[in-house]
Amino acid sequence: MDVKTGFFYFFSAVLLFAAFRVITARNTVHAALYLVLAFFQASAIWLLLKAEFLAISLVLVYVGAVMVLFLFVVMMLDLDTESLRTNFWKHFPVAGLVGAVIALEMAAVLMGGFRPAEPAQGPAAVQAAAAAGGAAAQVSNTKELGKLLYSEYLLPLELAAVLLLLAIIAAIALTLRERKDSKHMDPGMQVRVKAADRLRVVKMPPVVAAPAPVAQPADAATEGKA
């Protein structure tokens, strides 16, 4: 086993452990952090497969933006995870069965792609394979993907950008709408406020006279003498 294969098994083992902890961690913030770890391991595996663009996109988009948003939302909502986990073990057998079926289906589809191809026979085939390998080594995946995105797939890319822009505008509109139960302040009024509007100086005498003694009722004074 070479070094590359060893790194692949190491990253895969950490990825499986992080994915398992995502669904078993009791704390929601810890589950999100384990998901970040899983994303990093998947990015490292893509680097081993020479898919640099996918690896850096996973780190920048999902880890740098999506997961940070998830963490902020989780910490602001303060979810009650104990009530959500009350029926976890009740549905665990069904979930395990569905997961096993999905794993078997993925194995049936993917295992055919890992079978080694038969080597080419003859010196001409060997030279052609070497030339193809050298040409493929000089091609940049990111460059070729950029050419495809901005040439053949330019219209779908622009449509996706417009949809994301609409989602951002809708989120801002829903956030900034005026509600009766929301407590917000106008930043313009806070900036234009003066010190005289916030602080009022009251002049008081340095010595305050003691209050006069309270006169006792007649019945109370008579009972005291008795």
Protein backbone atom coordinates (compact mmCIF):
# COMPACT_ATOMS: atom_id res chain seq x y z
CA MET A 1 0.00 0.00 0.00
CA ASP A 2 1.47 3.35 -1.05
CA VAL A 3 1.23 6.70 0.75
CA LYS A 4 -1.71 7.94 -1.33
CA THR A 5 -3.78 4.88 -0.52
CA GLY A 6 -2.93 5.24 3.16
CA PHE A 7 -4.11 8.86 3.19
CA PHE A 8 -7.30 7.82 1.40
CA TYR A 9 -8.15 5.24 4.07
CA PHE A 10 -7.26 7.68 6.85
CA PHE A 11 -9.44 10.48 5.49
CA SER A 12 -12.26 8.02 4.80
CA ALA A 13 -12.16 6.68 8.36
CA VAL A 14 -12.28 10.19 9.85
CA LEU A 15 -15.09 11.08 7.44
CA LEU A 16 -17.20 8.10 8.52
CA PHE A 17 -16.58 8.87 12.20
CA ALA A 18 -17.54 12.55 11.75
CA ALA A 19 -20.67 11.61 9.79
CA PHE A 20 -21.69 9.16 12.53
CA ARG A 21 -21.18 11.81 15.21
CA VAL A 22 -23.31 14.30 13.26
CA ILE A 23 -26.42 12.17 13.85
CA THR A 24 -25.49 10.93 17.34
CA ALA A 25 -24.15 14.09 19.06
CA ARG A 26 -26.49 15.40 21.74
CA ASN A 27 -25.46 19.02 21.29
CA THR A 28 -26.58 20.67 18.05
CA VAL A 29 -23.50 22.90 17.88
CA HIS A 30 -21.24 19.86 18.28
CA ALA A 31 -23.12 18.12 15.45
CA ALA A 32 -22.55 21.12 13.19
CA LEU A 33 -18.84 21.13 14.05
CA TYR A 34 -18.59 17.43 13.25
CA LEU A 35 -20.24 18.19 9.90
CA VAL A 36 -17.52 20.77 9.25
CA LEU A 37 -14.93 18.08 9.99
CA ALA A 38 -16.68 15.74 7.54
CA PHE A 39 -16.58 18.43 4.84
CA PHE A 40 -12.84 18.89 5.36
CA GLN A 41 -12.21 15.16 5.04
CA ALA A 42 -14.28 14.99 1.83
CA SER A 43 -12.30 17.92 0.47
CA ALA A 44 -9.04 16.11 1.23
CA ILE A 45 -10.30 13.01 -0.60
CA TRP A 46 -11.16 15.14 -3.63
CA LEU A 47 -7.65 16.56 -3.56
CA LEU A 48 -6.29 13.01 -3.70
CA LEU A 49 -8.52 12.41 -6.73
CA LYS A 50 -7.09 15.58 -8.38
CA ALA A 51 -10.43 17.41 -8.23
CA GLU A 52 -9.01 20.68 -6.93
CA PHE A 53 -11.97 22.86 -7.86
CA LEU A 54 -14.48 20.67 -6.03
CA ALA A 55 -12.22 20.53 -2.98
CA ILE A 56 -11.75 24.29 -2.67
CA SER A 57 -15.43 24.91 -3.48
CA LEU A 58 -16.47 22.59 -0.65
CA VAL A 59 -14.25 24.43 1.81
CA LEU A 60 -15.15 27.96 0.69
CA VAL A 61 -18.88 27.53 0.05
CA TYR A 62 -20.05 24.94 2.56
CA VAL A 63 -17.55 25.34 5.39
CA GLY A 64 -16.96 29.06 4.97
CA ALA A 65 -20.53 30.18 4.34
CA VAL A 66 -23.24 27.58 4.80
CA MET A 67 -21.98 26.00 8.02
CA VAL A 68 -21.24 29.40 9.58
CA LEU A 69 -24.84 30.36 8.83
CA PHE A 70 -26.05 27.10 10.37
CA LEU A 71 -24.05 27.76 13.52
CA PHE A 72 -25.44 31.28 13.88
CA VAL A 73 -29.00 30.06 13.38
CA VAL A 74 -28.59 27.19 15.84
CA MET A 75 -27.07 29.44 18.51
CA MET A 76 -29.76 32.12 18.04
CA LEU A 77 -32.75 29.75 18.05
CA ASP A 78 -31.60 27.80 21.14
CA LEU A 79 -33.38 24.62 20.07
CA ASP A 80 -34.65 22.12 22.64
CA THR A 81 -32.89 18.99 21.40
CA GLU A 82 -34.07 16.81 24.27
CA SER A 83 -37.70 16.96 23.11
CA LEU A 84 -36.63 16.20 19.53
CA ARG A 85 -34.80 13.04 20.60
CA THR A 86 -37.61 11.50 22.60
CA ASN A 87 -38.64 9.09 19.81
CA PHE A 88 -35.16 8.58 18.32
CA TRP A 89 -34.70 4.93 19.32
CA LYS A 90 -38.31 4.16 18.43
CA HIS A 91 -37.66 4.92 14.75
CA PHE A 92 -34.06 3.67 14.73
CA PRO A 93 -34.81 0.18 13.26
CA VAL A 94 -36.67 1.66 10.30
CA ALA A 95 -33.95 4.24 9.75
CA GLY A 96 -31.24 1.55 9.94
CA LEU A 97 -33.07 -0.60 7.42
CA VAL A 98 -33.44 2.32 4.98
CA GLY A 99 -29.76 3.21 5.43
CA ALA A 100 -28.68 -0.38 4.76
CA VAL A 101 -30.76 -0.52 1.57
CA ILE A 102 -29.27 2.77 0.35
CA ALA A 103 -25.74 1.53 1.13
CA LEU A 104 -26.33 -1.70 -0.80
CA GLU A 105 -27.72 0.21 -3.78
CA MET A 106 -24.72 2.56 -3.81
CA ALA A 107 -22.34 -0.38 -3.55
CA ALA A 108 -24.06 -2.16 -6.45
CA VAL A 109 -23.75 0.94 -8.62
CA LEU A 110 -20.24 2.05 -7.65
CA MET A 111 -18.34 -1.21 -7.26
CA GLY A 112 -18.32 -1.73 -11.02
CA GLY A 113 -16.29 1.44 -11.48
CA PHE A 114 -13.49 0.25 -9.18
CA ARG A 115 -12.62 -2.83 -11.18
CA PRO A 116 -9.20 -2.51 -12.81
CA ALA A 117 -9.26 -2.26 -16.57
CA GLU A 118 -7.35 -4.75 -18.65
CA PRO A 119 -3.95 -3.39 -19.72
CA ALA A 120 -3.44 -2.59 -23.40
CA GLN A 121 -1.35 -4.99 -25.45
CA GLY A 122 1.42 -4.07 -27.91
CA PRO A 123 3.99 -1.26 -28.06
CA ALA A 124 1.70 1.05 -30.04
CA ALA A 125 -1.01 0.84 -27.39
CA VAL A 126 1.53 1.48 -24.65
CA GLN A 127 2.82 4.60 -26.42
CA ALA A 128 -0.71 5.86 -27.01
CA ALA A 129 -1.61 5.35 -23.36
CA ALA A 130 1.56 7.18 -22.25
CA ALA A 131 0.82 10.09 -24.58
CA ALA A 132 -2.77 10.31 -23.35
CA GLY A 133 -1.61 10.22 -19.74
CA GLY A 134 0.92 13.00 -20.33
CA ALA A 135 -1.68 15.17 -22.08
CA ALA A 136 -4.18 14.60 -19.26
CA ALA A 137 -1.58 15.54 -16.66
CA GLN A 138 -1.08 18.94 -18.29
CA VAL A 139 -4.81 19.79 -18.30
CA SER A 140 -6.13 21.85 -15.38
CA ASN A 141 -9.50 20.74 -14.07
CA THR A 142 -10.37 24.24 -12.86
CA LYS A 143 -9.53 25.80 -16.22
CA GLU A 144 -11.57 23.27 -18.17
CA LEU A 145 -14.51 23.63 -15.78
CA GLY A 146 -14.36 27.41 -16.14
CA LYS A 147 -14.44 27.10 -19.93
CA LEU A 148 -17.53 24.90 -19.75
CA LEU A 149 -19.32 27.13 -17.25
CA TYR A 150 -18.79 30.35 -19.19
CA SER A 151 -19.36 28.90 -22.66
CA GLU A 152 -21.78 25.97 -22.90
CA TYR A 153 -23.43 26.39 -19.49
CA LEU A 154 -23.51 30.20 -19.33
CA LEU A 155 -27.33 30.46 -19.33
CA PRO A 156 -27.86 27.94 -16.45
CA LEU A 157 -25.12 29.71 -14.50
CA GLU A 158 -26.82 33.09 -14.92
CA LEU A 159 -30.20 31.60 -14.00
CA ALA A 160 -28.71 30.15 -10.81
CA ALA A 161 -27.18 33.53 -9.99
CA VAL A 162 -30.55 35.27 -10.49
CA LEU A 163 -32.29 32.72 -8.25
CA LEU A 164 -29.72 33.24 -5.50
CA LEU A 165 -30.12 37.02 -5.83
CA LEU A 166 -33.90 36.70 -5.51
CA ALA A 167 -33.46 34.49 -2.43
CA ILE A 168 -31.20 37.12 -0.83
CA ILE A 169 -33.68 39.93 -1.58
CA ALA A 170 -36.58 37.87 -0.20
CA ALA A 171 -34.68 37.05 2.99
CA ILE A 172 -33.81 40.73 3.53
CA ALA A 173 -37.40 41.79 2.85
CA LEU A 174 -38.77 39.25 5.34
CA THR A 175 -36.23 40.30 7.96
CA LEU A 176 -36.75 44.06 7.67
CA ARG A 177 -40.54 44.07 7.58
CA GLU A 178 -42.25 45.94 10.42
CA ARG A 179 -43.93 43.72 12.96
CA LYS A 180 -45.87 44.67 16.03
CA ASP A 181 -44.04 42.27 18.32
CA SER A 182 -40.52 43.23 17.16
CA LYS A 183 -38.43 45.69 19.14
CA HIS A 184 -36.10 47.69 16.92
CA MET A 185 -34.60 51.17 16.92
CA ASP A 186 -33.84 53.57 14.12
CA PRO A 187 -30.04 53.81 13.64
CA GLY A 188 -30.46 57.33 12.17
CA MET A 189 -32.06 58.60 15.37
CA GLN A 190 -29.29 57.00 17.42
CA VAL A 191 -26.64 58.77 15.36
CA ARG A 192 -28.36 62.18 15.48
CA VAL A 193 -28.96 62.10 19.24
CA LYS A 194 -27.25 64.75 21.39
CA ALA A 195 -25.83 64.53 24.88
CA ALA A 196 -28.37 67.07 26.14
CA ASP A 197 -31.20 64.76 25.05
CA ARG A 198 -29.84 61.80 26.99
CA LEU A 199 -28.57 63.50 30.20
CA ARG A 200 -30.32 66.04 32.37
CA VAL A 201 -28.42 67.73 35.19
CA VAL A 202 -30.54 68.41 38.31
CA LYS A 203 -29.33 70.91 40.93
CA MET A 204 -29.89 69.72 44.50
CA PRO A 205 -28.92 71.30 47.82
CA PRO A 206 -25.82 69.76 49.45
CA VAL A 207 -27.60 69.32 52.83
CA VAL A 208 -31.05 67.84 53.08
CA ALA A 209 -33.10 68.62 56.17
CA ALA A 210 -34.26 65.71 58.27
CA PRO A 211 -37.95 64.93 58.07
CA ALA A 212 -40.16 66.11 60.97
CA PRO A 213 -41.17 63.46 63.55
CA VAL A 214 -44.60 62.00 63.10
CA ALA A 215 -47.03 62.81 65.93
CA GLN A 216 -48.44 59.80 67.71
CA PRO A 217 -52.23 59.41 68.23
CA ALA A 218 -53.71 60.17 71.63
CA ASP A 219 -54.79 56.58 72.34
CA ALA A 220 -51.29 55.27 71.71
CA ALA A 221 -49.78 57.84 74.09
CA THR A 222 -52.26 56.93 76.86
CA GLU A 223 -51.59 53.24 76.56
CA GLY A 224 -47.84 53.91 76.83
CA LYS A 225 -48.26 55.73 80.12
CA ALA A 226 -50.43 52.97 81.52
